[in-house]
Amino acid sequence: MKKYPCVILLVLFFQYSCGTKTETTSALNAKIQKESAELRKVIESYNTDLCLFYASGDIDSVMSVFAEDGRQMASNAPALEGRENIRAFWKQAVSWGQWNFTLTTISVTARASLAVELGQYKVGFSPGPSAPAGMKSSTDTGNYVCYWRREGDGKWRIVYDIAASDQPTK
């Protein structure tokens, strides 16, 4: 009969020491909503800066928002892989003329150090004297998805920037 109290103690010990507390679905959803709302403000601030950086031709500042292993994937174009390839493309592109972006965040879903942003964009281009022959003014609108990651320095950076034009191909 003396064995039963030991068994009960062992069961209680294992129940409390081995069992991990799990978050309820509603608690986890609340945490995700809070993180997402907080990060949305950060991303919207980055987007405001990005629009100004592109317009002024400050591509080094644009690159500060991209991860070293970032990818930029535009409609009807090969992917730009890696920060240095993205930088090289945009250094050339801003020499062709004026780029004006408008980025509108639709939603952000964040958890820990990863986030996904859905948005809409508008981009206008006006060629300058260095533009390739025949390059004309243009405007494009569409949707985008950005996959963000908080890096070791605590800053959020774009890992994947995927744009899809909603304009018909010509």
Protein backbone atom coordinates (compact mmCIF):
# COMPACT_ATOMS: atom_id res chain seq x y z
CA MET A 1 0.00 0.00 0.00
CA LYS A 2 2.94 2.34 0.51
CA LYS A 3 3.69 2.32 -3.24
CA TYR A 4 0.59 4.29 -4.24
CA PRO A 5 1.65 7.68 -2.85
CA CYS A 6 4.94 7.33 -4.76
CA VAL A 7 3.11 6.47 -7.98
CA ILE A 8 0.81 9.45 -7.56
CA LEU A 9 3.79 11.74 -6.92
CA LEU A 10 5.60 10.37 -9.98
CA VAL A 11 2.54 10.87 -12.19
CA LEU A 12 2.12 14.44 -10.93
CA PHE A 13 5.83 15.14 -11.37
CA PHE A 14 5.85 13.93 -14.99
CA GLN A 15 2.60 15.67 -15.77
CA TYR A 16 3.97 19.05 -14.70
CA SER A 17 7.62 18.68 -15.68
CA CYS A 18 7.23 17.01 -19.06
CA GLY A 19 4.08 18.73 -20.18
CA THR A 20 4.57 22.04 -21.92
CA LYS A 21 2.07 24.80 -21.86
CA THR A 22 0.62 25.36 -25.28
CA GLU A 23 -0.98 28.58 -26.37
CA THR A 24 -4.61 28.43 -27.22
CA THR A 25 -5.51 29.23 -30.79
CA SER A 26 -7.19 32.46 -29.76
CA ALA A 27 -4.16 33.53 -27.68
CA LEU A 28 -1.81 32.79 -30.57
CA ASN A 29 -4.07 34.68 -33.02
CA ALA A 30 -4.17 37.65 -30.66
CA LYS A 31 -0.36 37.62 -30.44
CA ILE A 32 -0.03 37.47 -34.24
CA GLN A 33 -2.53 40.33 -34.68
CA LYS A 34 -0.60 42.48 -32.19
CA GLU A 35 2.79 41.75 -33.77
CA SER A 36 1.34 42.35 -37.24
CA ALA A 37 -0.20 45.71 -36.31
CA GLU A 38 3.05 46.90 -34.73
CA LEU A 39 5.16 45.79 -37.68
CA ARG A 40 2.76 47.29 -40.22
CA LYS A 41 3.69 50.75 -38.92
CA VAL A 42 7.39 49.95 -39.35
CA ILE A 43 6.89 48.59 -42.88
CA GLU A 44 4.79 51.59 -43.92
CA SER A 45 7.60 53.85 -42.73
CA TYR A 46 10.13 51.82 -44.74
CA ASN A 47 7.85 52.08 -47.78
CA THR A 48 7.61 55.86 -47.47
CA ASP A 49 11.41 56.01 -47.34
CA LEU A 50 11.77 53.60 -50.28
CA CYS A 51 9.57 55.80 -52.48
CA LEU A 52 11.73 58.82 -51.65
CA PHE A 53 14.97 56.87 -52.20
CA TYR A 54 13.90 55.63 -55.65
CA ALA A 55 12.70 59.10 -56.67
CA SER A 56 15.99 60.70 -55.62
CA GLY A 57 18.11 57.91 -57.14
CA ASP A 58 19.55 56.99 -53.73
CA ILE A 59 19.94 53.29 -54.49
CA ASP A 60 22.39 52.65 -51.63
CA SER A 61 19.61 53.65 -49.22
CA VAL A 62 17.15 51.41 -51.11
CA MET A 63 19.59 48.53 -50.63
CA SER A 64 19.69 49.09 -46.87
CA VAL A 65 16.12 47.74 -46.80
CA PHE A 66 17.01 44.55 -48.71
CA ALA A 67 18.56 41.45 -47.17
CA GLU A 68 21.94 40.38 -48.54
CA ASP A 69 20.21 37.30 -50.03
CA GLY A 70 17.19 39.30 -51.21
CA ARG A 71 15.38 38.75 -54.48
CA GLN A 72 13.36 41.23 -56.48
CA MET A 73 10.92 39.68 -58.94
CA ALA A 74 9.09 42.01 -61.30
CA SER A 75 6.47 41.11 -63.89
CA ASN A 76 7.88 40.09 -67.28
CA ALA A 77 11.51 40.23 -66.14
CA PRO A 78 14.12 37.83 -64.78
CA ALA A 79 14.53 37.79 -61.01
CA LEU A 80 17.29 39.93 -59.54
CA GLU A 81 19.08 37.67 -57.06
CA GLY A 82 21.15 39.12 -54.24
CA ARG A 83 21.51 42.67 -52.95
CA GLU A 84 24.43 43.46 -55.28
CA ASN A 85 22.52 42.42 -58.42
CA ILE A 86 19.50 44.44 -57.32
CA ARG A 87 21.81 47.41 -56.66
CA ALA A 88 23.49 47.10 -60.08
CA PHE A 89 20.15 47.02 -61.90
CA TRP A 90 18.72 50.03 -60.07
CA LYS A 91 21.95 52.08 -60.34
CA GLN A 92 21.57 51.75 -64.10
CA ALA A 93 17.78 52.21 -64.11
CA VAL A 94 17.86 55.51 -62.21
CA SER A 95 20.39 56.84 -64.70
CA TRP A 96 17.74 56.42 -67.43
CA GLY A 97 15.30 58.88 -65.86
CA GLN A 98 12.88 59.58 -63.01
CA TRP A 99 11.14 56.75 -61.10
CA ASN A 100 8.16 57.53 -58.87
CA PHE A 101 6.70 54.77 -56.73
CA THR A 102 3.62 54.70 -54.56
CA LEU A 103 3.42 51.70 -52.23
CA THR A 104 0.22 50.97 -50.33
CA THR A 105 0.27 48.28 -47.68
CA ILE A 106 -2.92 46.23 -47.64
CA SER A 107 -1.99 43.80 -44.87
CA VAL A 108 0.92 42.52 -42.80
CA THR A 109 1.04 39.15 -41.08
CA ALA A 110 3.96 38.78 -38.68
CA ARG A 111 5.20 36.17 -36.26
CA ALA A 112 8.51 36.42 -34.44
CA SER A 113 11.20 37.39 -36.98
CA LEU A 114 9.23 36.75 -40.20
CA ALA A 115 6.47 38.72 -41.91
CA VAL A 116 4.51 38.86 -45.14
CA GLU A 117 3.25 42.15 -46.55
CA LEU A 118 0.58 42.36 -49.24
CA GLY A 119 0.21 45.62 -51.08
CA GLN A 120 -0.51 47.60 -54.19
CA TYR A 121 1.93 49.67 -56.17
CA LYS A 122 1.96 52.38 -58.78
CA VAL A 123 5.16 53.28 -60.58
CA GLY A 124 5.75 56.03 -63.07
CA PHE A 125 8.82 56.46 -65.21
CA SER A 126 9.90 59.55 -67.17
CA PRO A 127 12.96 59.05 -69.37
CA GLY A 128 15.91 61.40 -69.11
CA PRO A 129 18.74 62.18 -71.52
CA SER A 130 20.59 58.93 -70.64
CA ALA A 131 17.60 56.67 -71.35
CA PRO A 132 18.06 54.05 -74.07
CA ALA A 133 16.77 55.13 -77.46
CA GLY A 134 13.02 54.66 -77.78
CA MET A 135 12.37 54.38 -74.04
CA LYS A 136 9.11 56.16 -73.30
CA SER A 137 7.27 57.45 -70.25
CA SER A 138 5.22 54.75 -68.63
CA THR A 139 2.96 54.01 -65.69
CA ASP A 140 2.26 50.62 -64.18
CA THR A 141 0.01 49.48 -61.37
CA GLY A 142 -0.26 46.15 -59.68
CA ASN A 143 0.05 44.10 -56.54
CA TYR A 144 3.04 42.95 -54.57
CA VAL A 145 4.07 40.53 -51.87
CA CYS A 146 7.11 41.21 -49.69
CA TYR A 147 8.56 38.61 -47.38
CA TRP A 148 10.35 40.40 -44.55
CA ARG A 149 12.88 39.06 -42.04
CA ARG A 150 14.25 40.66 -38.89
CA GLU A 151 18.01 40.40 -39.23
CA GLY A 152 20.67 39.97 -36.55
CA ASP A 153 21.02 43.74 -36.18
CA GLY A 154 17.32 44.00 -35.29
CA LYS A 155 16.33 45.68 -38.58
CA TRP A 156 13.61 44.34 -40.83
CA ARG A 157 14.72 43.68 -44.40
CA ILE A 158 13.05 42.47 -47.55
CA VAL A 159 13.99 38.93 -48.52
CA TYR A 160 11.56 38.53 -51.43
CA ASP A 161 9.88 41.39 -53.31
CA ILE A 162 7.41 39.99 -55.83
CA ALA A 163 5.38 42.31 -58.05
CA ALA A 164 2.54 41.42 -60.40
CA SER A 165 1.31 44.04 -62.83
CA ASP A 166 -2.45 44.30 -63.25
CA GLN A 167 -1.97 45.94 -66.67
CA PRO A 168 -2.49 43.87 -69.83
CA THR A 169 0.65 42.95 -71.73
CA LYS A 170 1.18 44.83 -74.97
